[in-house]
Amino acid sequence: MTVIHSARLVTAATDTPDAWVRFDGARVAEVGSGDTWRDGTDAAADVVDAAAVAGDDAVLTPGFIDLHGHGGAGASYDDGADAIRRGRALHRAHGTTRALISLVTASIDDLAARAAVVADVAATDADVLGSHLEGPFLDPAHRGAHDGRLLVDPTPESVDRLLAAGRGTVRQVTLAPERPGATAAIARLRAAGTVPAVGHTSADYDQARAAFDAGAGILTHAFNAMPALHHRAPGPVAAAAATPGVTLEVIADGVHLHPETVRIAFAAAPGRIALVTDAMAAAGHPDGRYILGGLEVDVEVGVARLHGGTRAIAGSTLTQDTALRRCVAAGVTLPDAVRALTSTPARTLGRHDLGDLRIGMLADAVLLTGDLRVRQVWTAGARTPGAADDAA
């Protein structure tokens, strides 16, 4: 049994002062406020005084969920199981208790092999929710940091090959809906329990809206690698905001989007923003030269860009706790920002046991200081240090 008490409990639906949560093994057993946590707490329980650990203004939230990240701690998720676990440890210390493993564009053979590795890891590591294939079905004109030589149309054969390799763990696939075969691929992915995502696209409003109406459920890193939100040509961002149920990924790193754009996104699609990192290997690691999907990337002052050529942004060095702080600084309320890290991504993936701290939910939680620095993290009731502890 674990009891965490004397914290401000913030979830998508609640903001409760002096709250407490009791975990029984891997699940939330009870939630309350005040000193009532003492009732039913035996001497063997792990009792955590949040105020003593994180200060009098301590904040407790559900565990963060990242729908889109490529690595961290010097490791790229494309490089295998050890790299996945190394990157996940870095992001877990920053509050991300569960994540999709995003894989960049590669040949169908290589991508299938990598999706199979993620399936193997997901079978043993419950914090890995499956894979997100960001490519190879992308628009060359908006390829960003993807190898344009490897971009292809989503044929039934290629889609089926990737789904089979993932053995039920391919949870998200980003594609450009204007590519031949994309509409059929969206239907195929939905039938397999995978969420199709619109991204890296030249689609206009009507094309994007048709993709969402056909079953696409996510806009991959909204505003980036797609036509801009223009007053006469509103594009994919407006199409996503206008379609109920569609989740808009937002990278709140101060590089991909201006803070005011972040605030506007939250206002335009309330309850449907998912804060993602799009982090590459340099997250939590020094500046320098890295490889992302076979392409060289320079990281300078924490900003990742392709080496030479277009100098396109090549992912980020973001962690989700930093995204939380940036959103709040931009004027987003703390409960709304927490929702974008917890219940919205959980709902997007159909994981109704994650994203909240209600009774019966998986016991994923993050304890933060009042200025939103992570002190401790619980994943299915198991405690690990937070990044603020590491830095202390």
Protein backbone atom coordinates (compact mmCIF):
# COMPACT_ATOMS: atom_id res chain seq x y z
CA MET A 1 0.00 0.00 0.00
CA THR A 2 1.13 3.55 -0.82
CA VAL A 3 -0.44 6.76 0.50
CA ILE A 4 0.46 10.20 -0.86
CA HIS A 5 -1.03 13.02 1.19
CA SER A 6 -0.97 16.81 1.64
CA ALA A 7 -0.89 17.65 -2.08
CA ARG A 8 -2.96 19.73 -4.46
CA LEU A 9 -4.51 17.01 -6.63
CA VAL A 10 -4.93 18.24 -10.22
CA THR A 11 -6.58 16.12 -12.89
CA ALA A 12 -8.65 16.91 -15.96
CA ALA A 13 -11.79 17.04 -13.83
CA THR A 14 -10.60 18.04 -10.34
CA ASP A 15 -8.44 20.57 -8.54
CA THR A 16 -8.47 19.57 -4.88
CA PRO A 17 -6.35 21.12 -2.12
CA ASP A 18 -4.91 19.05 0.72
CA ALA A 19 -5.77 15.84 -1.09
CA TRP A 20 -4.54 12.29 -0.69
CA VAL A 21 -4.48 9.17 -2.84
CA ARG A 22 -4.09 5.56 -1.72
CA PHE A 23 -2.62 2.90 -4.04
CA ASP A 24 -3.20 -0.78 -3.44
CA GLY A 25 -0.55 -2.44 -5.56
CA ALA A 26 -0.86 -1.24 -9.16
CA ARG A 27 -4.29 0.42 -8.78
CA VAL A 28 -5.83 3.48 -7.15
CA ALA A 29 -7.79 2.26 -4.13
CA GLU A 30 -9.07 5.47 -2.53
CA VAL A 31 -8.98 9.27 -2.88
CA GLY A 32 -9.82 11.88 -0.23
CA SER A 33 -8.77 15.09 1.46
CA GLY A 34 -7.55 16.28 4.83
CA ASP A 35 -6.34 13.83 7.48
CA THR A 36 -8.76 11.03 6.60
CA TRP A 37 -5.89 9.20 4.86
CA ARG A 38 -4.88 7.93 8.30
CA ASP A 39 -8.00 5.76 8.45
CA GLY A 40 -7.16 2.35 7.06
CA THR A 41 -3.45 3.06 6.60
CA ASP A 42 -1.43 0.34 8.32
CA ALA A 43 2.13 0.60 9.65
CA ALA A 44 3.57 -1.23 6.65
CA ALA A 45 2.26 1.34 4.13
CA ASP A 46 4.64 3.58 2.19
CA VAL A 47 3.42 6.99 3.37
CA VAL A 48 4.60 9.99 1.34
CA ASP A 49 4.10 13.45 2.80
CA ALA A 50 3.92 15.49 -0.40
CA ALA A 51 4.55 18.76 1.41
CA ALA A 52 7.73 17.39 2.96
CA VAL A 53 8.97 16.04 -0.38
CA ALA A 54 7.87 18.81 -2.77
CA GLY A 55 6.99 21.80 -0.60
CA ASP A 56 3.81 23.20 0.89
CA ASP A 57 2.41 23.91 -2.58
CA ALA A 58 3.10 20.37 -3.87
CA VAL A 59 1.05 19.24 -6.88
CA LEU A 60 0.01 15.64 -7.60
CA THR A 61 -1.18 14.71 -11.10
CA PRO A 62 -1.83 11.52 -13.05
CA GLY A 63 1.15 10.15 -14.95
CA PHE A 64 1.96 11.87 -18.23
CA ILE A 65 1.45 10.06 -21.55
CA ASP A 66 3.47 10.94 -24.67
CA LEU A 67 1.92 10.04 -28.02
CA HIS A 68 4.96 11.17 -29.99
CA GLY A 69 8.63 10.86 -29.03
CA HIS A 70 11.71 9.44 -30.76
CA GLY A 71 14.25 9.09 -27.96
CA GLY A 72 16.24 10.70 -25.19
CA ALA A 73 19.34 10.38 -22.99
CA GLY A 74 21.46 10.02 -26.12
CA ALA A 75 19.41 7.07 -27.43
CA SER A 76 17.19 6.89 -30.52
CA TYR A 77 14.21 4.56 -30.38
CA ASP A 78 15.03 3.33 -33.90
CA ASP A 79 18.14 1.64 -32.47
CA GLY A 80 16.52 -1.20 -30.56
CA ALA A 81 15.28 -2.38 -27.17
CA ASP A 82 18.17 -1.06 -25.08
CA ALA A 83 17.84 2.38 -26.67
CA ILE A 84 14.08 2.39 -26.02
CA ARG A 85 14.58 1.56 -22.36
CA ARG A 86 17.32 4.15 -21.96
CA GLY A 87 15.21 6.91 -23.47
CA ARG A 88 12.14 5.87 -21.51
CA ALA A 89 14.06 6.07 -18.22
CA LEU A 90 14.97 9.69 -18.98
CA HIS A 91 11.41 10.65 -19.84
CA ARG A 92 9.95 8.75 -16.88
CA ALA A 93 12.07 10.86 -14.54
CA HIS A 94 10.34 13.88 -16.11
CA GLY A 95 6.86 12.45 -15.41
CA THR A 96 6.11 10.46 -18.57
CA THR A 97 4.90 7.18 -17.13
CA ARG A 98 3.64 5.76 -20.45
CA ALA A 99 4.54 6.47 -24.06
CA LEU A 100 4.26 5.45 -27.65
CA ILE A 101 7.60 4.73 -29.31
CA SER A 102 7.78 6.87 -32.44
CA LEU A 103 9.75 5.52 -35.38
CA VAL A 104 10.90 7.76 -38.23
CA THR A 105 10.63 7.04 -41.93
CA ALA A 106 12.60 4.01 -43.13
CA SER A 107 12.21 1.34 -45.79
CA ILE A 108 9.21 -0.91 -45.25
CA ASP A 109 11.58 -3.77 -44.37
CA ASP A 110 13.46 -1.73 -41.77
CA LEU A 111 10.32 -0.17 -40.33
CA ALA A 112 8.68 -3.58 -40.01
CA ALA A 113 11.72 -4.89 -38.14
CA ARG A 114 11.68 -1.90 -35.79
CA ALA A 115 7.95 -2.22 -35.15
CA ALA A 116 8.56 -5.86 -34.22
CA VAL A 117 11.19 -4.76 -31.68
CA VAL A 118 8.72 -2.34 -30.11
CA ALA A 119 6.16 -5.15 -29.92
CA ASP A 120 8.72 -7.28 -28.05
CA VAL A 121 9.45 -4.45 -25.58
CA ALA A 122 5.75 -3.68 -25.09
CA ALA A 123 5.19 -7.33 -24.14
CA THR A 124 7.51 -6.98 -21.13
CA ASP A 125 7.57 -3.22 -20.35
CA ALA A 126 4.06 -1.97 -19.58
CA ASP A 127 5.16 1.68 -19.81
CA VAL A 128 5.60 1.18 -23.58
CA LEU A 129 2.14 1.49 -25.10
CA GLY A 130 3.15 0.47 -28.61
CA SER A 131 4.56 2.18 -31.66
CA HIS A 132 3.81 5.31 -33.64
CA LEU A 133 4.97 5.07 -37.24
CA GLU A 134 5.73 8.60 -38.41
CA GLY A 135 6.11 7.69 -42.04
CA PRO A 136 6.87 6.52 -44.65
CA PHE A 137 3.53 7.67 -46.08
CA LEU A 138 4.37 11.39 -45.98
CA ASP A 139 4.37 14.31 -48.41
CA PRO A 140 7.86 15.06 -49.81
CA ALA A 141 7.15 18.81 -49.74
CA HIS A 142 6.56 18.67 -45.98
CA ARG A 143 8.96 15.86 -45.09
CA GLY A 144 10.76 17.84 -42.34
CA ALA A 145 13.52 15.62 -40.95
CA HIS A 146 12.42 12.50 -42.87
CA ASP A 147 14.44 10.99 -45.72
CA GLY A 148 12.56 11.97 -48.87
CA ARG A 149 14.05 9.05 -50.80
CA LEU A 150 12.13 6.60 -48.62
CA LEU A 151 8.65 8.16 -48.80
CA VAL A 152 6.06 5.91 -50.48
CA ASP A 153 2.32 5.58 -50.99
CA PRO A 154 0.34 3.58 -48.39
CA THR A 155 -0.48 0.48 -50.43
CA PRO A 156 -2.61 -2.25 -48.83
CA GLU A 157 0.42 -4.56 -48.89
CA SER A 158 2.72 -2.11 -47.08
CA VAL A 159 0.12 -1.19 -44.48
CA ASP A 160 -0.66 -4.84 -43.78
CA ARG A 161 3.05 -5.70 -43.54
CA LEU A 162 3.65 -3.04 -40.89
CA LEU A 163 0.55 -3.97 -38.90
CA ALA A 164 1.53 -7.63 -38.94
CA ALA A 165 5.07 -6.82 -37.79
CA GLY A 166 3.68 -4.86 -34.83
CA ARG A 167 1.47 -7.77 -33.72
CA GLY A 168 -1.29 -5.47 -32.50
CA THR A 169 1.02 -2.81 -31.02
CA VAL A 170 1.08 -0.29 -33.89
CA ARG A 171 -1.14 2.29 -32.22
CA GLN A 172 -0.67 5.36 -34.44
CA VAL A 173 0.39 5.91 -38.05
CA THR A 174 0.99 9.38 -39.49
CA LEU A 175 0.23 9.81 -43.18
CA ALA A 176 -0.43 12.52 -45.75
CA PRO A 177 -4.08 12.09 -46.78
CA GLU A 178 -3.48 13.41 -50.30
CA ARG A 179 -1.21 10.47 -51.19
CA PRO A 180 -2.80 7.78 -53.43
CA GLY A 181 -4.29 5.03 -51.30
CA ALA A 182 -4.47 7.12 -48.13
CA THR A 183 -8.23 6.95 -47.68
CA ALA A 184 -8.20 3.15 -47.96
CA ALA A 185 -5.24 3.03 -45.57
CA ILE A 186 -7.16 5.08 -42.98
CA ALA A 187 -9.99 2.55 -43.07
CA ARG A 188 -7.53 -0.35 -42.89
CA LEU A 189 -5.73 1.15 -39.89
CA ARG A 190 -8.96 1.90 -38.03
CA ALA A 191 -10.16 -1.67 -38.56
CA ALA A 192 -6.93 -2.89 -36.98
CA GLY A 193 -7.37 -0.71 -33.88
CA THR A 194 -4.70 1.76 -34.97
CA VAL A 195 -5.31 5.52 -34.87
CA PRO A 196 -4.53 7.13 -38.25
CA ALA A 197 -2.98 10.60 -37.97
CA VAL A 198 -2.80 13.41 -40.51
CA GLY A 199 0.63 15.00 -40.75
CA HIS A 200 3.61 15.95 -42.93
CA THR A 201 1.07 16.95 -45.52
CA SER A 202 0.18 19.47 -48.22
CA ALA A 203 -3.55 18.80 -47.68
CA ASP A 204 -5.94 21.73 -47.75
CA TYR A 205 -8.90 22.11 -45.40
CA ASP A 206 -11.24 19.93 -47.45
CA GLN A 207 -8.72 17.11 -47.92
CA ALA A 208 -7.85 17.10 -44.23
CA ARG A 209 -11.50 17.25 -43.18
CA ALA A 210 -12.28 14.30 -45.46
CA ALA A 211 -9.49 12.30 -43.80
CA PHE A 212 -10.85 13.07 -40.34
CA ASP A 213 -14.36 12.20 -41.44
CA ALA A 214 -12.98 8.90 -42.81
CA GLY A 215 -11.49 8.00 -39.42
CA ALA A 216 -8.21 9.81 -38.86
CA GLY A 217 -8.13 10.75 -35.17
CA ILE A 218 -4.97 12.79 -34.65
CA LEU A 219 -3.27 15.81 -36.19
CA THR A 220 0.46 15.16 -35.88
CA HIS A 221 2.33 18.14 -34.35
CA ALA A 222 -0.29 20.75 -35.27
CA PHE A 223 0.95 23.72 -37.33
CA ASN A 224 4.27 22.03 -38.14
CA ALA A 225 5.00 20.30 -41.49
CA MET A 226 1.66 21.35 -43.00
CA PRO A 227 0.02 24.39 -44.63
CA ALA A 228 -0.40 27.32 -42.28
CA LEU A 229 -3.68 28.48 -40.77
CA HIS A 230 -4.46 31.14 -43.37
CA HIS A 231 -7.55 33.36 -43.23
CA ARG A 232 -8.79 32.18 -46.65
CA ALA A 233 -7.19 28.73 -46.62
CA PRO A 234 -7.55 27.40 -43.07
CA GLY A 235 -5.81 24.08 -43.77
CA PRO A 236 -5.42 20.96 -41.60
CA VAL A 237 -5.30 22.78 -38.26
CA ALA A 238 -8.75 24.26 -38.76
CA ALA A 239 -10.05 20.94 -40.11
CA ALA A 240 -8.87 19.15 -36.98
CA ALA A 241 -10.27 21.81 -34.65
CA ALA A 242 -13.61 21.66 -36.46
CA THR A 243 -13.94 17.86 -36.23
CA PRO A 244 -15.23 16.55 -32.87
CA GLY A 245 -13.07 13.84 -31.37
CA VAL A 246 -9.88 14.68 -33.24
CA THR A 247 -6.80 15.17 -31.04
CA LEU A 248 -4.29 17.89 -31.93
CA GLU A 249 -0.69 17.20 -30.95
CA VAL A 250 1.13 20.31 -29.71
CA ILE A 251 4.89 20.67 -29.16
CA ALA A 252 5.21 23.38 -26.50
CA ASP A 253 8.98 23.77 -26.59
CA GLY A 254 9.14 27.45 -27.56
CA VAL A 255 10.72 26.46 -30.90
CA HIS A 256 8.02 24.64 -32.86
CA LEU A 257 5.29 27.07 -31.77
CA HIS A 258 5.06 30.56 -30.33
CA PRO A 259 3.51 30.51 -26.82
CA GLU A 260 0.49 32.45 -28.07
CA THR A 261 -0.07 29.82 -30.76
CA VAL A 262 -0.10 27.21 -28.01
CA ARG A 263 -2.70 29.18 -26.07
CA ILE A 264 -4.83 29.63 -29.20
CA ALA A 265 -4.71 25.89 -29.90
CA PHE A 266 -6.05 25.11 -26.43
CA ALA A 267 -8.83 27.68 -26.93
CA ALA A 268 -9.73 26.36 -30.39
CA ALA A 269 -9.96 22.69 -29.41
CA PRO A 270 -10.71 22.49 -25.66
CA GLY A 271 -10.11 19.05 -24.20
CA ARG A 272 -8.55 17.81 -27.44
CA ILE A 273 -4.94 18.98 -27.15
CA ALA A 274 -2.23 16.38 -26.44
CA LEU A 275 1.10 17.82 -25.37
CA VAL A 276 3.81 15.73 -27.05
CA THR A 277 7.58 15.99 -26.98
CA ASP A 278 8.62 14.81 -30.47
CA ALA A 279 11.88 14.37 -28.54
CA MET A 280 14.92 12.91 -30.25
CA ALA A 281 18.06 11.42 -28.73
CA ALA A 282 19.43 14.76 -27.49
CA ALA A 283 16.66 15.19 -24.90
CA GLY A 284 18.42 15.22 -21.54
CA HIS A 285 21.79 15.06 -23.33
CA PRO A 286 24.41 17.63 -24.40
CA ASP A 287 24.39 19.61 -27.64
CA GLY A 288 26.22 18.04 -30.56
CA ARG A 289 25.80 15.93 -33.71
CA TYR A 290 23.18 13.18 -33.70
CA ILE A 291 21.58 10.79 -36.20
CA LEU A 292 17.80 10.73 -36.71
CA GLY A 293 16.43 8.28 -39.25
CA GLY A 294 19.78 8.14 -41.02
CA LEU A 295 20.03 11.95 -41.27
CA GLU A 296 22.60 14.07 -39.43
CA VAL A 297 21.15 16.50 -36.91
CA ASP A 298 22.90 19.39 -35.17
CA VAL A 299 21.69 20.28 -31.68
CA GLU A 300 22.67 23.78 -30.61
CA VAL A 301 21.38 25.40 -27.42
CA GLY A 302 18.87 22.56 -27.19
CA VAL A 303 17.42 23.14 -30.69
CA ALA A 304 17.65 20.23 -33.15
CA ARG A 305 17.98 20.98 -36.89
CA LEU A 306 19.07 18.96 -39.90
CA HIS A 307 22.77 19.33 -40.68
CA GLY A 308 23.02 21.36 -43.89
CA GLY A 309 20.37 21.46 -46.59
CA THR A 310 17.00 22.75 -45.41
CA ARG A 311 18.07 23.06 -41.75
CA ALA A 312 14.56 21.84 -40.91
CA ILE A 313 13.63 21.36 -37.27
CA ALA A 314 14.46 17.73 -36.46
CA GLY A 315 12.33 16.87 -33.44
CA SER A 316 12.99 18.46 -30.07
CA THR A 317 14.87 18.08 -26.81
CA LEU A 318 11.65 18.58 -24.86
CA THR A 319 10.39 16.68 -21.82
CA GLN A 320 6.74 16.75 -20.79
CA ASP A 321 7.29 18.55 -17.50
CA THR A 322 8.89 21.42 -19.43
CA ALA A 323 5.91 21.40 -21.79
CA LEU A 324 3.64 21.71 -18.75
CA ARG A 325 5.55 24.72 -17.43
CA ARG A 326 5.58 26.41 -20.84
CA CYS A 327 1.84 25.95 -21.28
CA VAL A 328 1.04 27.46 -17.91
CA ALA A 329 3.39 30.37 -18.66
CA ALA A 330 1.51 30.89 -21.95
CA GLY A 331 -1.78 31.33 -20.08
CA VAL A 332 -3.20 27.81 -20.19
CA THR A 333 -4.76 26.82 -16.84
CA LEU A 334 -2.99 24.10 -14.90
CA PRO A 335 -5.94 21.65 -15.10
CA ASP A 336 -6.18 22.16 -18.87
CA ALA A 337 -2.44 21.63 -19.30
CA VAL A 338 -2.56 18.51 -17.11
CA ARG A 339 -5.46 17.17 -19.16
CA ALA A 340 -3.34 17.55 -22.30
CA LEU A 341 -0.66 15.37 -20.72
CA THR A 342 -2.94 12.75 -19.19
CA SER A 343 -6.59 12.08 -19.97
CA THR A 344 -6.59 13.38 -23.55
CA PRO A 345 -3.77 11.14 -24.80
CA ALA A 346 -5.22 8.22 -22.82
CA ARG A 347 -8.63 8.73 -24.43
CA THR A 348 -7.04 9.09 -27.86
CA LEU A 349 -5.52 5.62 -27.50
CA GLY A 350 -8.64 4.12 -25.95
CA ARG A 351 -6.85 3.49 -22.64
CA HIS A 352 -9.60 4.12 -20.11
CA ASP A 353 -7.45 2.77 -17.27
CA LEU A 354 -4.92 5.60 -17.64
CA GLY A 355 -4.91 9.38 -17.46
CA ASP A 356 -6.71 9.92 -14.15
CA LEU A 357 -6.44 9.04 -10.46
CA ARG A 358 -9.93 7.72 -9.91
CA ILE A 359 -10.54 4.51 -7.96
CA GLY A 360 -9.67 1.48 -10.06
CA MET A 361 -7.33 3.32 -12.44
CA LEU A 362 -3.70 2.26 -12.87
CA ALA A 363 -1.63 3.98 -10.19
CA ASP A 364 0.43 6.29 -12.41
CA ALA A 365 1.18 9.61 -10.70
CA VAL A 366 3.60 12.53 -10.70
CA LEU A 367 4.50 14.62 -7.64
CA LEU A 368 5.70 18.12 -8.53
CA THR A 369 6.79 21.22 -6.69
CA GLY A 370 4.68 24.35 -6.88
CA ASP A 371 6.79 25.55 -9.80
CA LEU A 372 6.11 22.21 -11.54
CA ARG A 373 9.43 20.41 -11.12
CA VAL A 374 9.11 16.63 -10.89
CA ARG A 375 10.11 15.19 -7.52
CA GLN A 376 8.73 11.65 -7.61
CA VAL A 377 6.98 9.40 -10.12
CA TRP A 378 4.81 6.29 -9.72
CA THR A 379 4.15 3.83 -12.53
CA ALA A 380 1.56 1.18 -11.64
CA GLY A 381 2.29 1.98 -7.99
CA ALA A 382 6.08 1.58 -8.26
CA ARG A 383 8.00 4.70 -7.20
CA THR A 384 11.04 6.16 -8.98
CA PRO A 385 12.89 9.45 -8.43
CA GLY A 386 11.89 12.50 -10.42
CA ALA A 387 14.24 14.70 -12.42
CA ALA A 388 14.22 17.38 -9.70
CA ASP A 389 15.64 14.79 -7.29
CA ASP A 390 18.38 13.93 -9.78
CA ALA A 391 19.31 17.60 -10.13
CA ALA A 392 19.31 18.30 -6.39
